Amino acid sequence: MSTENEGTAVPPAPSAPPVPVDSPTTSTDADARDAAPTAQLPKTAPEPGAGAGAGAPGVGAGAGAEGDWPPPAPRQQPAPDPYAHTQSAPPTPQPPSAAPYDSYGTAPAPAAVDASWPPPAPPVPSYADGGAGAGGAWGAAYAQEPAPRRKGRGGLVAAVLVAALVAGGLGGALGYTMAKDNDDNGSTTVSASDSGGSVKRDAGTVAGVAQRALPSTVTIQAESSSGDGGTGTGFVFDTQGHIVTNNHVVAEAVEGGKVTATFPSGKKYDAEVVGHAKGYDVAVIKLKNAPADLKPLTLGDSDKVAVGDSTIAIGAPFGLSNTVTTGIISAKGRPVASSDGSGSGSSYMSALQTDASINPGNSGGPLLDAQGNVIGINSAIQSNSSGGLGAGQAGSIGLGFAIPINQAKYVAQQLIKTGKPVYAKIGASVSLEEGTGGAKISDQGSVEAGGPAAKAGLKTGDVITKLDDTVIDSGPTLIGEIWTHKPGDKVTITYERGGKSQTVDLTLGSRTGDN
């Protein structure tokens, strides 16, 4: 989603995500699906003229005339940008950013947040070019300003909130942007041939994976009734025409808007939003008059993914549909919080981090393993866009974040079944304050009477430091970890009370809906 209020000083690298002492035991059933049909799409070339310095002299500039002959060579004009609009347009909106929840920074925190449900996004601090403010290390508390809503098939890039989502000054230079593309003058989707020729590629190669996966990936255009919207990506979930994507991709179209999905073949279908989950940032749309030959992508097991495993991302970065990029899993369990820009809610995830190039327009697309199995849904990026007047849209710096597919599959199934998300909860409010050394059950909040936390004996002031074997360093980290579980799961909570560490077993409760 656009967030253009980052500073200029680059903060130090973030701390590692919470690392389980032992491997998590929770896993999600992932029924294997048939592999998708074959087709290949060449990778998108860089945009012509990108990165050219504004002050570079023209060819022949500065040459003096010597005598009357020969005359000086005429100055050469730069080649036109084939992708440029014929008239100037504001910067393209940016994809939703994701931000790790590292426990740094000292900005004041909101009063409390229910660990079973996130609070509304904190107010965005005013922005000045150069982004001063509280400074601090990566993970310092700051929020990105939502991108302005634009007419036509442009859209919003949901702002991403970092660290504990604390309202305060701008902390550092790096911003987090959701990977949804927005265009001020109507989104221009540039398609490429989906055919790799008659030559079959080996199944274990990137080309082979692309041939199988591309035909089951779609470019999504979502538009509100007033014309606001943007471009994202989705993939075929089942043979009934259900497509999985991000909530922030279709959020504009939920209330009376329009959604279309275009396959690499060029076939375009109208679609409707079946259900969406703001907290999980997952949505399901269904094609109208879906073709009978749909082939769902095979879902992998995100619990079995290891750091260093190869990754393949498919999406429509900056409107360039059917783009394939590669990388590795850089980290697991990275706490990430984001907002769809509407101010109506925040999403939390314990994300897969990848260095595969993810840009605005990649949101909702599949993150695949080397065998072509979906292991995540590309959702957000960290960008180093400096913002300010004339700033361009944020792009990849090798820090992308994906929702683990085990979690996304469960959410999608609930949305298809009932149209509403179901969230696991502990039934207590936790503070988002920095520097507490864990998730503190807020003094201003309360422990839900008769809820899971109350039954387990947790009280106001207790500081939760572990959930099972995963270290908890903040309230958002706890929420993200809870949501990797299902209601009814039994977990072990480690907490501190009066300077002493204690453990207790707890059965997670449930909450239905986003309200």
Protein backbone atom coordinates (compact mmCIF):
# COMPACT_ATOMS: atom_id res chain seq x y z
CA MET A 1 0.00 0.00 0.00
CA SER A 2 1.69 4.39 -0.71
CA THR A 3 3.87 5.39 2.04
CA GLU A 4 6.03 8.30 1.26
CA ASN A 5 7.11 9.70 4.62
CA GLU A 6 10.42 8.05 5.19
CA GLY A 7 13.53 9.91 6.28
CA THR A 8 16.93 10.02 4.67
CA ALA A 9 19.28 8.45 7.19
CA VAL A 10 19.59 4.71 6.93
CA PRO A 11 19.14 2.98 10.30
CA PRO A 12 21.09 -0.09 11.34
CA ALA A 13 19.86 -3.49 10.28
CA PRO A 14 17.04 -5.03 12.32
CA SER A 15 17.54 -7.74 14.85
CA ALA A 16 16.69 -11.25 13.84
CA PRO A 17 13.04 -12.31 14.07
CA PRO A 18 11.94 -14.22 17.16
CA VAL A 19 13.57 -17.62 16.80
CA PRO A 20 11.97 -20.71 18.33
CA VAL A 21 14.26 -22.58 20.68
CA ASP A 22 12.73 -25.74 19.35
CA SER A 23 10.94 -26.30 16.09
CA PRO A 24 7.24 -25.35 16.30
CA THR A 25 4.94 -28.31 16.46
CA THR A 26 1.95 -26.70 14.85
CA SER A 27 1.39 -27.50 11.22
CA THR A 28 -1.48 -27.05 8.86
CA ASP A 29 -2.93 -29.69 6.62
CA ALA A 30 -2.04 -28.84 3.08
CA ASP A 31 -3.74 -31.09 0.60
CA ALA A 32 -1.65 -31.48 -2.50
CA ARG A 33 -3.19 -30.25 -5.70
CA ASP A 34 -2.44 -31.13 -9.29
CA ALA A 35 0.31 -29.11 -10.86
CA ALA A 36 -0.75 -26.20 -13.04
CA PRO A 37 -0.53 -26.32 -16.85
CA THR A 38 2.63 -25.28 -18.54
CA ALA A 39 3.43 -21.89 -19.94
CA GLN A 40 6.37 -19.58 -19.67
CA LEU A 41 6.80 -15.87 -19.57
CA PRO A 42 10.07 -14.04 -20.02
CA LYS A 43 11.19 -11.85 -17.18
CA THR A 44 10.38 -8.18 -17.46
CA ALA A 45 13.23 -5.93 -18.50
CA PRO A 46 14.07 -2.88 -16.40
CA GLU A 47 12.16 0.24 -17.27
CA PRO A 48 14.05 2.27 -19.89
CA GLY A 49 15.79 5.28 -18.56
CA ALA A 50 15.42 4.25 -14.94
CA GLY A 51 17.95 5.79 -12.63
CA ALA A 52 19.26 8.38 -15.05
CA GLY A 53 20.61 11.38 -13.24
CA ALA A 54 18.81 14.63 -13.82
CA GLY A 55 21.99 16.58 -14.08
CA ALA A 56 23.77 14.47 -16.68
CA PRO A 57 24.87 16.58 -19.65
CA GLY A 58 23.49 15.85 -23.07
CA VAL A 59 25.65 14.37 -25.79
CA GLY A 60 27.92 17.05 -27.17
CA ALA A 61 26.97 19.54 -24.50
CA GLY A 62 29.58 22.19 -23.87
CA ALA A 63 31.50 21.71 -27.14
CA GLY A 64 32.77 25.02 -28.57
CA ALA A 65 32.55 26.04 -32.25
CA GLU A 66 35.94 26.17 -33.91
CA GLY A 67 35.87 28.03 -37.27
CA ASP A 68 32.94 28.03 -39.67
CA TRP A 69 33.19 24.39 -40.75
CA PRO A 70 32.22 21.78 -39.96
CA PRO A 71 29.31 23.04 -37.88
CA PRO A 72 28.99 21.68 -34.36
CA ALA A 73 27.20 18.37 -34.03
CA PRO A 74 23.59 18.78 -32.94
CA ARG A 75 22.78 17.78 -29.40
CA GLN A 76 21.19 14.38 -29.18
CA GLN A 77 17.92 14.10 -27.33
CA PRO A 78 17.44 11.24 -24.90
CA ALA A 79 15.45 8.31 -26.21
CA PRO A 80 11.76 8.46 -25.30
CA ASP A 81 10.59 6.22 -22.50
CA PRO A 82 8.26 3.65 -24.12
CA TYR A 83 6.45 3.23 -20.81
CA ALA A 84 6.00 6.92 -20.09
CA HIS A 85 2.57 8.56 -20.23
CA THR A 86 2.17 11.33 -22.77
CA GLN A 87 1.43 13.75 -19.99
CA SER A 88 3.03 14.13 -16.62
CA ALA A 89 1.45 12.25 -13.76
CA PRO A 90 1.98 12.07 -10.02
CA PRO A 91 4.21 9.33 -8.67
CA THR A 92 2.80 5.84 -8.91
CA PRO A 93 1.35 4.71 -5.58
CA GLN A 94 3.40 2.24 -3.63
CA PRO A 95 2.86 -1.34 -2.51
CA PRO A 96 1.95 -2.00 1.10
CA SER A 97 5.03 -2.03 3.29
CA ALA A 98 5.81 -4.53 5.91
CA ALA A 99 7.75 -3.81 9.01
CA PRO A 100 9.53 -6.10 11.40
CA TYR A 101 8.61 -5.66 15.04
CA ASP A 102 12.07 -5.21 16.50
CA SER A 103 12.03 -3.93 20.05
CA TYR A 104 13.92 -0.69 19.56
CA GLY A 105 12.94 2.93 19.87
CA THR A 106 11.45 4.92 22.66
CA ALA A 107 8.41 6.63 21.17
CA PRO A 108 5.32 6.48 23.39
CA ALA A 109 2.89 3.66 22.69
CA PRO A 110 -0.88 3.60 22.42
CA ALA A 111 -2.69 2.54 25.54
CA ALA A 112 -3.32 -1.08 24.74
CA VAL A 113 -4.29 -3.63 22.17
CA ASP A 114 -6.37 -6.74 22.59
CA ALA A 115 -4.13 -9.68 21.81
CA SER A 116 -7.11 -11.26 20.11
CA TRP A 117 -7.64 -8.29 17.82
CA PRO A 118 -5.51 -5.34 16.62
CA PRO A 119 -6.35 -1.74 17.41
CA PRO A 120 -6.99 0.77 14.65
CA ALA A 121 -3.84 2.04 12.96
CA PRO A 122 -2.19 4.82 14.98
CA PRO A 123 -2.30 8.38 13.67
CA VAL A 124 0.32 9.12 11.05
CA PRO A 125 2.81 11.82 12.01
CA SER A 126 3.09 14.84 9.78
CA TYR A 127 5.70 14.51 7.09
CA ALA A 128 8.45 16.83 6.11
CA ASP A 129 10.89 16.30 3.28
CA GLY A 130 13.93 14.60 4.70
CA GLY A 131 11.88 12.96 7.44
CA ALA A 132 13.37 14.05 10.71
CA GLY A 133 11.68 13.01 13.90
CA ALA A 134 12.61 10.50 16.51
CA GLY A 135 15.35 8.83 14.49
CA GLY A 136 16.57 5.63 16.03
CA ALA A 137 17.37 2.13 15.02
CA TRP A 138 15.55 0.04 12.50
CA GLY A 139 12.42 -1.05 14.24
CA ALA A 140 12.03 2.32 15.93
CA ALA A 141 8.39 3.21 16.16
CA TYR A 142 7.05 5.14 13.21
CA ALA A 143 4.21 4.90 10.77
CA GLN A 144 4.06 5.47 7.06
CA GLU A 145 1.52 7.81 5.57
CA PRO A 146 -1.13 6.05 3.48
CA ALA A 147 -0.93 6.84 -0.19
CA PRO A 148 -3.50 9.34 -1.43
CA ARG A 149 -6.58 7.86 -3.04
CA ARG A 150 -6.61 8.39 -6.74
CA LYS A 151 -9.20 8.40 -9.45
CA GLY A 152 -9.29 5.90 -12.23
CA ARG A 153 -7.76 2.50 -11.90
CA GLY A 154 -5.12 3.68 -9.60
CA GLY A 155 -5.29 2.69 -6.02
CA LEU A 156 -4.03 2.76 -2.54
CA VAL A 157 -0.85 1.40 -1.21
CA ALA A 158 -1.54 0.46 2.36
CA ALA A 159 0.73 2.04 4.90
CA VAL A 160 2.83 -0.29 6.94
CA LEU A 161 3.54 0.33 10.56
CA VAL A 162 6.80 -0.75 12.10
CA ALA A 163 7.92 -2.10 15.43
CA ALA A 164 5.09 -1.84 17.95
CA LEU A 165 2.94 0.37 15.72
CA VAL A 166 3.58 3.24 18.08
CA ALA A 167 2.51 6.73 17.04
CA GLY A 168 5.50 9.03 17.06
CA GLY A 169 8.08 10.73 14.87
CA LEU A 170 9.53 9.21 11.76
CA GLY A 171 12.12 6.68 12.84
CA GLY A 172 14.91 6.24 10.34
CA ALA A 173 14.89 6.15 6.57
CA LEU A 174 13.40 2.81 5.69
CA GLY A 175 9.70 2.55 5.04
CA TYR A 176 7.52 -0.49 4.65
CA THR A 177 5.11 -0.66 1.76
CA MET A 178 2.46 -3.17 0.77
CA ALA A 179 3.15 -4.60 -2.64
CA LYS A 180 0.09 -3.22 -4.40
CA ASP A 181 0.43 -1.02 -7.48
CA ASN A 182 -1.39 2.27 -7.81
CA ASP A 183 -1.56 4.64 -10.75
CA ASP A 184 -2.84 8.20 -10.73
CA ASN A 185 -4.05 8.27 -14.31
CA GLY A 186 -5.38 4.77 -14.58
CA SER A 187 -3.25 1.70 -14.20
CA THR A 188 -1.51 0.56 -17.34
CA THR A 189 -0.97 -3.17 -17.36
CA VAL A 190 1.77 -4.29 -19.71
CA SER A 191 1.38 -7.92 -20.73
CA ALA A 192 4.09 -10.18 -22.04
CA SER A 193 3.83 -13.36 -24.04
CA ASP A 194 2.99 -16.30 -21.83
CA SER A 195 4.52 -18.78 -24.21
CA GLY A 196 7.99 -20.13 -23.80
CA GLY A 197 7.83 -21.83 -27.16
CA SER A 198 7.39 -25.53 -27.75
CA VAL A 199 10.45 -26.48 -25.71
CA LYS A 200 9.55 -28.08 -22.39
CA ARG A 201 11.63 -26.96 -19.44
CA ASP A 202 12.85 -29.32 -16.74
CA ALA A 203 10.42 -29.40 -13.82
CA GLY A 204 13.11 -28.52 -11.28
CA THR A 205 14.24 -25.35 -13.04
CA VAL A 206 12.89 -21.84 -12.59
CA ALA A 207 11.70 -21.93 -16.20
CA GLY A 208 9.90 -25.20 -15.55
CA VAL A 209 8.18 -23.85 -12.45
CA ALA A 210 7.17 -20.70 -14.35
CA GLN A 211 5.68 -22.74 -17.20
CA ARG A 212 3.46 -24.62 -14.78
CA ALA A 213 2.52 -21.76 -12.44
CA LEU A 214 1.95 -18.78 -14.74
CA PRO A 215 -1.30 -20.08 -16.31
CA SER A 216 -2.81 -20.28 -12.80
CA THR A 217 -1.79 -16.76 -11.77
CA VAL A 218 -3.94 -13.68 -12.46
CA THR A 219 -3.52 -9.91 -12.49
CA ILE A 220 -6.26 -8.28 -10.42
CA GLN A 221 -7.75 -4.85 -11.03
CA ALA A 222 -9.85 -3.64 -8.08
CA GLU A 223 -11.83 -0.41 -8.30
CA SER A 224 -14.18 1.34 -5.90
CA SER A 225 -17.50 2.85 -6.93
CA SER A 226 -15.76 6.24 -7.08
CA GLY A 227 -12.99 4.97 -9.35
CA ASP A 228 -10.21 4.54 -6.79
CA GLY A 229 -8.29 1.30 -6.92
CA GLY A 230 -5.13 -0.44 -7.99
CA THR A 231 -3.43 -3.51 -9.37
CA GLY A 232 -2.45 -6.68 -7.56
CA THR A 233 -2.02 -10.38 -8.15
CA GLY A 234 -3.79 -13.59 -7.18
CA PHE A 235 -3.69 -17.30 -7.91
CA VAL A 236 -6.17 -20.10 -8.56
CA PHE A 237 -7.16 -21.82 -5.30
CA ASP A 238 -9.68 -24.38 -6.55
CA THR A 239 -11.56 -25.54 -9.65
CA GLN A 240 -14.69 -23.59 -8.64
CA GLY A 241 -13.05 -20.29 -9.59
CA HIS A 242 -11.86 -19.06 -6.20
CA ILE A 243 -8.78 -16.83 -6.36
CA VAL A 244 -6.66 -16.05 -3.28
CA THR A 245 -5.08 -12.61 -2.89
CA ASN A 246 -4.42 -9.94 -0.23
CA ASN A 247 -7.17 -8.00 1.50
CA HIS A 248 -5.44 -4.74 0.66
CA VAL A 249 -5.60 -5.58 -3.06
CA VAL A 250 -9.41 -5.71 -3.12
CA ALA A 251 -10.27 -3.49 -0.13
CA GLU A 252 -11.36 -0.63 -2.42
CA ALA A 253 -13.89 -2.83 -4.21
CA VAL A 254 -15.58 -4.47 -1.22
CA GLU A 255 -18.41 -1.92 -1.03
CA GLY A 256 -20.00 -1.76 -4.46
CA GLY A 257 -16.78 -1.76 -6.44
CA LYS A 258 -15.55 -3.74 -9.42
CA VAL A 259 -12.99 -6.54 -9.60
CA THR A 260 -11.51 -8.17 -12.69
CA ALA A 261 -8.94 -10.94 -13.07
CA THR A 262 -6.82 -11.39 -16.19
CA PHE A 263 -4.91 -14.57 -17.02
CA PRO A 264 -1.60 -14.61 -18.93
CA SER A 265 -3.54 -15.84 -21.97
CA GLY A 266 -5.33 -12.49 -22.03
CA LYS A 267 -8.69 -13.89 -20.93
CA LYS A 268 -10.35 -11.48 -18.54
CA TYR A 269 -13.11 -12.29 -16.06
CA ASP A 270 -15.30 -10.22 -13.79
CA ALA A 271 -15.11 -11.35 -10.18
CA GLU A 272 -16.74 -10.74 -6.81
CA VAL A 273 -15.25 -10.56 -3.33
CA VAL A 274 -16.32 -13.68 -1.43
CA GLY A 275 -14.70 -12.67 1.85
CA HIS A 276 -11.81 -10.67 3.23
CA ALA A 277 -9.84 -10.66 6.49
CA LYS A 278 -8.24 -7.35 7.47
CA GLY A 279 -6.26 -8.83 10.33
CA TYR A 280 -4.74 -11.62 8.25
CA ASP A 281 -4.56 -9.48 5.06
CA VAL A 282 -6.09 -12.33 3.06
CA ALA A 283 -9.04 -12.17 0.66
CA VAL A 284 -10.83 -14.53 -1.70
CA ILE A 285 -12.54 -13.50 -4.93
CA LYS A 286 -14.56 -15.74 -7.25
CA LEU A 287 -14.57 -15.57 -11.03
CA LYS A 288 -17.93 -15.10 -12.69
CA ASN A 289 -18.47 -17.68 -15.43
CA ALA A 290 -15.23 -19.41 -14.42
CA PRO A 291 -13.73 -21.67 -17.10
CA ALA A 292 -13.99 -25.41 -16.59
CA ASP A 293 -10.28 -26.05 -17.09
CA LEU A 294 -8.94 -24.13 -14.09
CA LYS A 295 -5.92 -25.76 -12.48
CA PRO A 296 -5.19 -24.71 -8.90
CA LEU A 297 -1.61 -24.22 -7.81
CA THR A 298 -0.29 -26.90 -5.50
CA LEU A 299 0.02 -25.72 -1.91
CA GLY A 300 3.20 -26.54 -0.02
CA ASP A 301 3.91 -26.69 3.72
CA SER A 302 5.29 -23.38 4.99
CA ASP A 303 6.21 -24.95 8.34
CA LYS A 304 8.83 -27.05 6.56
CA VAL A 305 10.46 -24.13 4.75
CA ALA A 306 14.07 -23.47 5.78
CA VAL A 307 16.18 -20.34 5.61
CA GLY A 308 18.20 -20.52 2.39
CA ASP A 309 15.55 -22.41 0.41
CA SER A 310 15.01 -21.11 -3.13
CA THR A 311 11.96 -18.94 -3.83
CA ILE A 312 10.13 -17.85 -6.98
CA ALA A 313 7.71 -14.90 -6.96
CA ILE A 314 5.09 -14.19 -9.61
CA GLY A 315 3.18 -10.93 -9.94
CA ALA A 316 2.52 -7.69 -11.79
CA PRO A 317 5.13 -5.24 -10.47
CA PHE A 318 4.35 -1.70 -11.63
CA GLY A 319 1.68 -3.18 -13.92
CA LEU A 320 4.07 -5.57 -15.68
CA SER A 321 1.90 -8.68 -15.57
CA ASN A 322 3.29 -12.21 -15.38
CA THR A 323 6.70 -11.19 -14.04
CA VAL A 324 8.83 -13.94 -12.49
CA THR A 325 11.62 -13.21 -10.00
CA THR A 326 13.78 -15.45 -7.84
CA GLY A 327 15.52 -15.42 -4.48
CA ILE A 328 15.77 -17.35 -1.23
CA ILE A 329 14.07 -17.49 2.14
CA SER A 330 16.00 -14.88 4.13
CA ALA A 331 14.24 -15.38 7.47
CA LYS A 332 11.22 -17.05 9.05
CA GLY A 333 8.87 -15.73 11.69
CA ARG A 334 9.54 -12.09 10.89
CA PRO A 335 6.94 -10.01 12.78
CA VAL A 336 5.24 -7.65 10.33
CA ALA A 337 2.37 -5.21 10.78
CA SER A 338 0.60 -3.31 8.04
CA SER A 339 -2.52 -1.30 7.28
CA ASP A 340 -4.64 -1.15 4.13
CA GLY A 341 -4.58 2.65 4.34
CA SER A 342 -8.24 2.99 5.31
CA GLY A 343 -7.46 3.45 8.99
CA SER A 344 -10.07 0.81 9.82
CA GLY A 345 -7.69 -1.90 10.93
CA SER A 346 -4.22 -3.34 10.95
CA SER A 347 -2.87 -6.71 9.90
CA TYR A 348 -0.25 -8.79 11.68
CA MET A 349 1.77 -11.69 10.40
CA SER A 350 4.68 -13.89 11.32
CA ALA A 351 6.10 -13.59 7.83
CA LEU A 352 8.44 -15.40 5.51
CA GLN A 353 11.13 -12.94 4.44
CA THR A 354 12.58 -13.26 0.94
CA ASP A 355 15.01 -11.35 -1.24
CA ALA A 356 13.10 -12.23 -4.42
CA SER A 357 12.23 -8.92 -6.09
CA ILE A 358 8.77 -7.82 -4.93
CA ASN A 359 7.35 -4.46 -5.99
CA PRO A 360 4.04 -2.58 -6.14
CA GLY A 361 1.67 -4.91 -7.98
CA ASN A 362 3.11 -8.14 -6.55
CA SER A 363 0.68 -8.17 -3.62
CA GLY A 364 -1.42 -11.31 -3.47
CA GLY A 365 0.82 -13.26 -5.83
CA PRO A 366 2.28 -16.67 -5.01
CA LEU A 367 5.68 -17.22 -3.46
CA LEU A 368 6.76 -20.64 -4.70
CA ASP A 369 9.43 -23.11 -3.66
CA ALA A 370 11.83 -24.77 -6.10
CA GLN A 371 9.25 -27.47 -6.87
CA GLY A 372 6.54 -24.96 -7.73
CA ASN A 373 4.51 -25.37 -4.52
CA VAL A 374 2.96 -22.23 -3.02
CA ILE A 375 4.64 -21.49 0.32
CA GLY A 376 3.39 -17.94 0.84
CA ILE A 377 1.39 -14.96 -0.42
CA ASN A 378 3.55 -11.95 -1.28
CA SER A 379 2.22 -9.09 0.79
CA ALA A 380 4.63 -6.32 1.70
CA ILE A 381 8.08 -4.87 1.18
CA GLN A 382 10.47 -2.65 3.00
CA SER A 383 11.51 0.29 0.86
CA ASN A 384 14.08 3.05 1.13
CA SER A 385 12.07 5.63 -0.77
CA SER A 386 12.88 9.02 0.72
CA GLY A 387 9.44 10.42 0.01
CA GLY A 388 8.85 14.12 -0.49
CA LEU A 389 7.85 16.14 -3.52
CA GLY A 390 8.59 14.33 -6.76
CA ALA A 391 9.58 11.11 -5.04
CA GLY A 392 9.05 7.97 -7.06
CA GLN A 393 7.22 4.84 -6.05
CA ALA A 394 8.93 2.53 -3.61
CA GLY A 395 10.63 -0.50 -5.10
CA SER A 396 12.42 -3.65 -4.07
CA ILE A 397 15.58 -3.50 -1.99
CA GLY A 398 15.58 -7.25 -1.38
CA LEU A 399 13.31 -7.20 1.67
CA GLY A 400 9.97 -8.78 0.85
CA PHE A 401 7.46 -10.42 3.19
CA ALA A 402 4.94 -13.17 2.53
CA ILE A 403 2.08 -14.63 4.55
CA PRO A 404 2.88 -18.33 5.22
CA ILE A 405 0.58 -20.49 3.11
CA ASN A 406 -0.46 -22.74 6.01
CA GLN A 407 -2.05 -19.74 7.67
CA ALA A 408 -3.44 -18.32 4.42
CA LYS A 409 -5.01 -21.66 3.46
CA TYR A 410 -6.91 -21.87 6.73
CA VAL A 411 -8.14 -18.29 6.34
CA ALA A 412 -9.17 -18.82 2.71
CA GLN A 413 -11.15 -21.93 3.62
CA GLN A 414 -13.02 -20.00 6.32
CA LEU A 415 -13.79 -17.16 3.92
CA ILE A 416 -15.11 -19.53 1.26
CA LYS A 417 -17.22 -21.37 3.82
CA THR A 418 -18.73 -18.46 5.77
CA GLY A 419 -17.47 -15.22 4.21
CA LYS A 420 -15.93 -14.21 7.54
CA PRO A 421 -12.50 -14.73 9.09
CA VAL A 422 -11.97 -16.56 12.38
CA TYR A 423 -9.14 -15.43 14.66
CA ALA A 424 -7.47 -17.24 17.53
CA LYS A 425 -7.21 -15.19 20.74
CA ILE A 426 -6.03 -15.34 24.35
CA GLY A 427 -8.66 -12.93 25.63
CA ALA A 428 -6.42 -10.23 27.07
CA SER A 429 -5.28 -6.76 26.03
CA VAL A 430 -1.54 -6.26 25.62
CA SER A 431 0.45 -3.05 25.43
CA LEU A 432 2.26 -2.00 22.28
CA GLU A 433 4.83 -0.13 24.32
CA GLU A 434 8.48 -0.57 23.43
CA GLY A 435 11.14 -1.82 25.81
CA THR A 436 8.90 -3.99 27.98
CA GLY A 437 10.88 -7.14 27.18
CA GLY A 438 7.74 -8.92 26.06
CA ALA A 439 3.99 -8.45 25.64
CA LYS A 440 2.66 -6.78 28.77
CA ILE A 441 -0.97 -7.33 29.71
CA SER A 442 -1.98 -3.71 29.76
CA ASP A 443 -2.81 -1.80 32.90
CA GLN A 444 -5.49 0.08 31.01
CA GLY A 445 -6.87 -3.02 29.37
CA SER A 446 -8.41 -6.03 31.01
CA VAL A 447 -8.35 -9.79 31.04
CA GLU A 448 -11.59 -11.03 29.51
CA ALA A 449 -13.73 -12.62 32.19
CA GLY A 450 -14.01 -16.35 31.57
CA GLY A 451 -11.62 -16.10 28.61
CA PRO A 452 -8.55 -18.25 27.94
CA ALA A 453 -6.13 -15.92 29.75
CA ALA A 454 -8.37 -15.65 32.81
CA LYS A 455 -8.81 -19.41 32.99
CA ALA A 456 -5.02 -19.81 32.82
CA GLY A 457 -4.54 -17.39 35.72
CA LEU A 458 -2.94 -14.52 33.77
CA LYS A 459 -3.38 -11.07 35.31
CA THR A 460 -2.94 -7.40 34.48
CA GLY A 461 0.76 -6.50 34.56
CA ASP A 462 2.03 -9.94 33.56
CA VAL A 463 4.63 -9.81 30.78
CA ILE A 464 4.42 -12.65 28.24
CA THR A 465 7.92 -13.59 27.04
CA LYS A 466 7.29 -16.84 25.13
CA LEU A 467 4.54 -18.60 23.26
CA ASP A 468 5.58 -22.24 23.13
CA ASP A 469 9.26 -21.95 22.19
CA THR A 470 9.02 -18.66 20.30
CA VAL A 471 10.47 -15.61 22.03
CA ILE A 472 7.94 -12.77 22.37
CA ASP A 473 9.49 -9.30 22.46
CA SER A 474 6.41 -7.09 21.93
CA GLY A 475 2.63 -7.04 21.71
CA PRO A 476 2.52 -7.21 17.90
CA THR A 477 4.89 -10.18 17.93
CA LEU A 478 2.50 -12.00 20.27
CA ILE A 479 -0.49 -11.22 18.06
CA GLY A 480 1.29 -12.43 14.93
CA GLU A 481 2.29 -15.68 16.64
CA ILE A 482 -1.19 -16.29 18.05
CA TRP A 483 -2.64 -15.93 14.57
CA THR A 484 -0.41 -18.67 13.23
CA HIS A 485 -2.56 -20.99 15.37
CA LYS A 486 -6.20 -22.01 15.15
CA PRO A 487 -8.87 -21.60 17.81
CA GLY A 488 -8.75 -24.58 20.15
CA ASP A 489 -4.99 -25.07 19.84
CA LYS A 490 -3.19 -25.58 23.14
CA VAL A 491 -0.13 -23.42 23.73
CA THR A 492 2.33 -22.88 26.55
CA ILE A 493 2.69 -19.31 27.77
CA THR A 494 5.83 -18.17 29.60
CA TYR A 495 5.36 -14.94 31.54
CA GLU A 496 6.98 -12.84 34.23
CA ARG A 497 5.22 -11.64 37.36
CA GLY A 498 6.98 -9.87 40.19
CA GLY A 499 10.38 -10.64 38.69
CA LYS A 500 9.75 -14.39 38.54
CA SER A 501 9.24 -16.45 35.38
CA GLN A 502 6.29 -18.82 35.26
CA THR A 503 4.64 -21.03 32.64
CA VAL A 504 1.04 -21.99 32.08
CA ASP A 505 -0.86 -23.98 29.45
CA LEU A 506 -3.66 -22.19 27.64
CA THR A 507 -6.31 -23.17 25.08
CA LEU A 508 -6.84 -20.47 22.48
CA GLY A 509 -10.30 -19.00 22.07
CA SER A 510 -11.86 -17.63 18.89
CA ARG A 511 -13.27 -14.46 17.45
CA THR A 512 -15.31 -14.25 14.24
CA GLY A 513 -15.24 -11.26 11.92
CA ASP A 514 -13.22 -8.07 11.69
CA ASN A 515 -15.48 -5.83 13.77
